[in-house]
């Protein structure tokens, strides 16, 4: 049986796409869940924090003297905490733009990890596609707010 991670990774884009679509058709609230912008913000924060956590996990497998053994935990914490503070302090629209920066930053780190052969080519390829979908969805959503 193949690992489910590629399928789950692509499935994780569905809430981003759905929220962008709902905002495009001027649906601003969803019964029970509330504001579409808040749903998107919270989901984006969770997923970006999860991705930063994956970087933290990567650093645990590196030798102490590897250059990424120091960089990854610092970068992952900075991104997760920066996004959390942005979630708490920025307007929803500004936070969505911060998420765009956050997801692009996470992909740039993954590019470096791929070049350093810490992550596989297959994983990086999926990350490129998924990040493109997420960033496009966030931009569409932010332009509606």
Protein backbone atom coordinates (compact mmCIF):
# COMPACT_ATOMS: atom_id res chain seq x y z
CA UNK A 1 0.00 0.00 0.00
CA UNK A 2 1.25 3.46 -0.86
CA UNK A 3 1.70 6.07 1.82
CA UNK A 4 -1.37 8.30 2.14
CA UNK A 5 0.66 11.47 2.65
CA UNK A 6 0.53 12.76 -0.96
CA UNK A 7 -3.25 12.33 -1.04
CA UNK A 8 -3.71 13.93 2.38
CA UNK A 9 -1.41 16.79 1.37
CA UNK A 10 -3.53 17.59 -1.68
CA UNK A 11 -6.75 17.07 0.30
CA UNK A 12 -5.47 19.69 2.73
CA UNK A 13 -5.88 22.31 0.00
CA UNK A 14 -9.66 21.79 -0.15
CA UNK A 15 -10.53 24.18 2.73
CA UNK A 16 -8.30 26.88 1.18
CA UNK A 17 -9.99 26.48 -2.21
CA UNK A 18 -13.47 26.29 -0.67
CA UNK A 19 -12.98 29.44 1.42
CA UNK A 20 -11.62 31.37 -1.56
CA UNK A 21 -14.57 30.23 -3.66
CA UNK A 22 -17.11 31.11 -0.97
CA UNK A 23 -15.64 34.59 -0.61
CA UNK A 24 -15.68 35.03 -4.40
CA UNK A 25 -19.40 34.27 -4.50
CA UNK A 26 -19.91 36.61 -1.54
CA UNK A 27 -20.72 33.95 1.05
CA UNK A 28 -19.23 35.43 4.21
CA UNK A 29 -20.58 33.03 6.84
CA UNK A 30 -21.18 29.31 7.02
CA UNK A 31 -23.81 27.89 9.38
CA UNK A 32 -22.30 26.49 12.58
CA UNK A 33 -18.70 27.35 11.53
CA UNK A 34 -19.12 31.13 11.29
CA UNK A 35 -17.13 33.67 9.29
CA UNK A 36 -15.44 32.28 6.18
CA UNK A 37 -12.53 34.68 6.70
CA UNK A 38 -12.07 33.42 10.26
CA UNK A 39 -12.31 29.80 9.11
CA UNK A 40 -9.61 30.45 6.51
CA UNK A 41 -7.39 32.31 8.98
CA UNK A 42 -7.60 29.60 11.63
CA UNK A 43 -7.10 26.78 9.14
CA UNK A 44 -4.17 28.58 7.53
CA UNK A 45 -2.55 29.08 10.93
CA UNK A 46 -2.96 25.40 11.79
CA UNK A 47 -1.54 24.17 8.49
CA UNK A 48 1.39 26.62 8.48
CA UNK A 49 2.20 25.64 12.07
CA UNK A 50 1.99 21.98 11.06
CA UNK A 51 4.43 22.62 8.21
CA UNK A 52 6.79 24.47 10.55
CA UNK A 53 6.51 21.47 12.87
CA UNK A 54 7.57 19.20 10.00
CA UNK A 55 10.72 21.31 9.72
CA UNK A 56 11.28 20.90 13.45
CA UNK A 57 10.92 17.14 13.01
CA UNK A 58 13.45 17.17 10.16
CA UNK A 59 16.03 18.83 12.39
CA UNK A 60 15.75 16.04 14.97
CA UNK A 61 17.18 13.56 12.48
CA UNK A 62 20.25 15.66 11.63
CA UNK A 63 23.68 15.36 13.17
CA UNK A 64 24.47 18.12 15.67
CA UNK A 65 27.13 19.61 13.40
CA UNK A 66 24.88 19.76 10.30
CA UNK A 67 24.23 23.39 9.28
CA UNK A 68 20.48 22.79 9.17
CA UNK A 69 20.43 21.27 12.68
CA UNK A 70 20.59 24.82 14.05
CA UNK A 71 18.70 26.71 11.32
CA UNK A 72 15.59 24.54 11.17
CA UNK A 73 14.40 24.84 14.77
CA UNK A 74 15.01 28.60 14.70
CA UNK A 75 13.21 29.12 11.39
CA UNK A 76 10.34 26.81 12.31
CA UNK A 77 9.75 28.56 15.63
CA UNK A 78 10.06 32.03 14.11
CA UNK A 79 7.50 31.24 11.42
CA UNK A 80 5.01 29.53 13.74
CA UNK A 81 5.25 32.21 16.43
CA UNK A 82 5.22 35.05 13.91
CA UNK A 83 2.06 33.72 12.32
CA UNK A 84 0.42 33.16 15.69
CA UNK A 85 1.20 36.75 16.75
CA UNK A 86 -0.12 37.96 13.40
CA UNK A 87 -3.31 35.97 13.90
CA UNK A 88 -3.79 37.63 17.28
CA UNK A 89 -2.91 41.18 16.29
CA UNK A 90 -3.60 41.82 12.59
CA UNK A 91 -6.81 42.42 10.69
CA UNK A 92 -8.11 39.35 8.91
CA UNK A 93 -7.06 40.67 5.51
CA UNK A 94 -3.56 41.52 6.71
CA UNK A 95 -3.22 38.12 8.33
CA UNK A 96 -4.21 36.35 5.10
CA UNK A 97 -1.38 38.25 3.35
CA UNK A 98 0.96 37.23 6.15
CA UNK A 99 -0.05 33.61 5.53
CA UNK A 100 0.95 34.06 1.88
CA UNK A 101 4.40 35.18 3.03
CA UNK A 102 4.53 32.34 5.55
CA UNK A 103 3.70 29.61 3.05
CA UNK A 104 6.17 30.97 0.51
CA UNK A 105 8.83 31.13 3.25
CA UNK A 106 8.15 27.51 4.19
CA UNK A 107 8.55 26.50 0.54
CA UNK A 108 11.84 28.41 0.28
CA UNK A 109 13.10 26.48 3.30
CA UNK A 110 11.93 23.24 1.69
CA UNK A 111 13.82 24.17 -1.47
CA UNK A 112 16.99 24.50 0.60
CA UNK A 113 16.27 21.22 2.36
CA UNK A 114 15.77 19.54 -1.00
CA UNK A 115 19.08 20.91 -2.28
CA UNK A 116 20.76 19.66 0.91
CA UNK A 117 19.14 16.24 0.29
CA UNK A 118 17.26 16.36 3.59
CA UNK A 119 13.89 15.97 1.89
CA UNK A 120 13.18 13.89 -1.20
CA UNK A 121 12.57 15.17 -4.70
CA UNK A 122 9.09 13.60 -4.70
CA UNK A 123 8.11 15.36 -1.47
CA UNK A 124 9.46 18.70 -2.68
CA UNK A 125 7.56 18.38 -5.96
CA UNK A 126 4.30 17.83 -4.07
CA UNK A 127 5.11 20.79 -1.80
CA UNK A 128 5.56 23.02 -4.85
CA UNK A 129 2.15 22.11 -6.29
CA UNK A 130 0.35 22.33 -2.98
CA UNK A 131 1.97 25.64 -2.03
CA UNK A 132 0.95 27.09 -5.41
CA UNK A 133 -2.67 26.04 -4.81
CA UNK A 134 -2.65 27.38 -1.25
CA UNK A 135 -1.02 30.70 -2.13
CA UNK A 136 -3.36 31.26 -5.09
CA UNK A 137 -6.37 30.49 -2.88
CA UNK A 138 -5.14 32.88 -0.18
CA UNK A 139 -4.52 35.67 -2.69
CA UNK A 140 -7.99 35.22 -4.18
CA UNK A 141 -9.48 35.28 -0.68
CA UNK A 142 -7.47 38.31 0.43
CA UNK A 143 -8.58 40.27 -2.63
CA UNK A 144 -12.21 39.64 -1.61
CA UNK A 145 -11.79 41.03 1.92
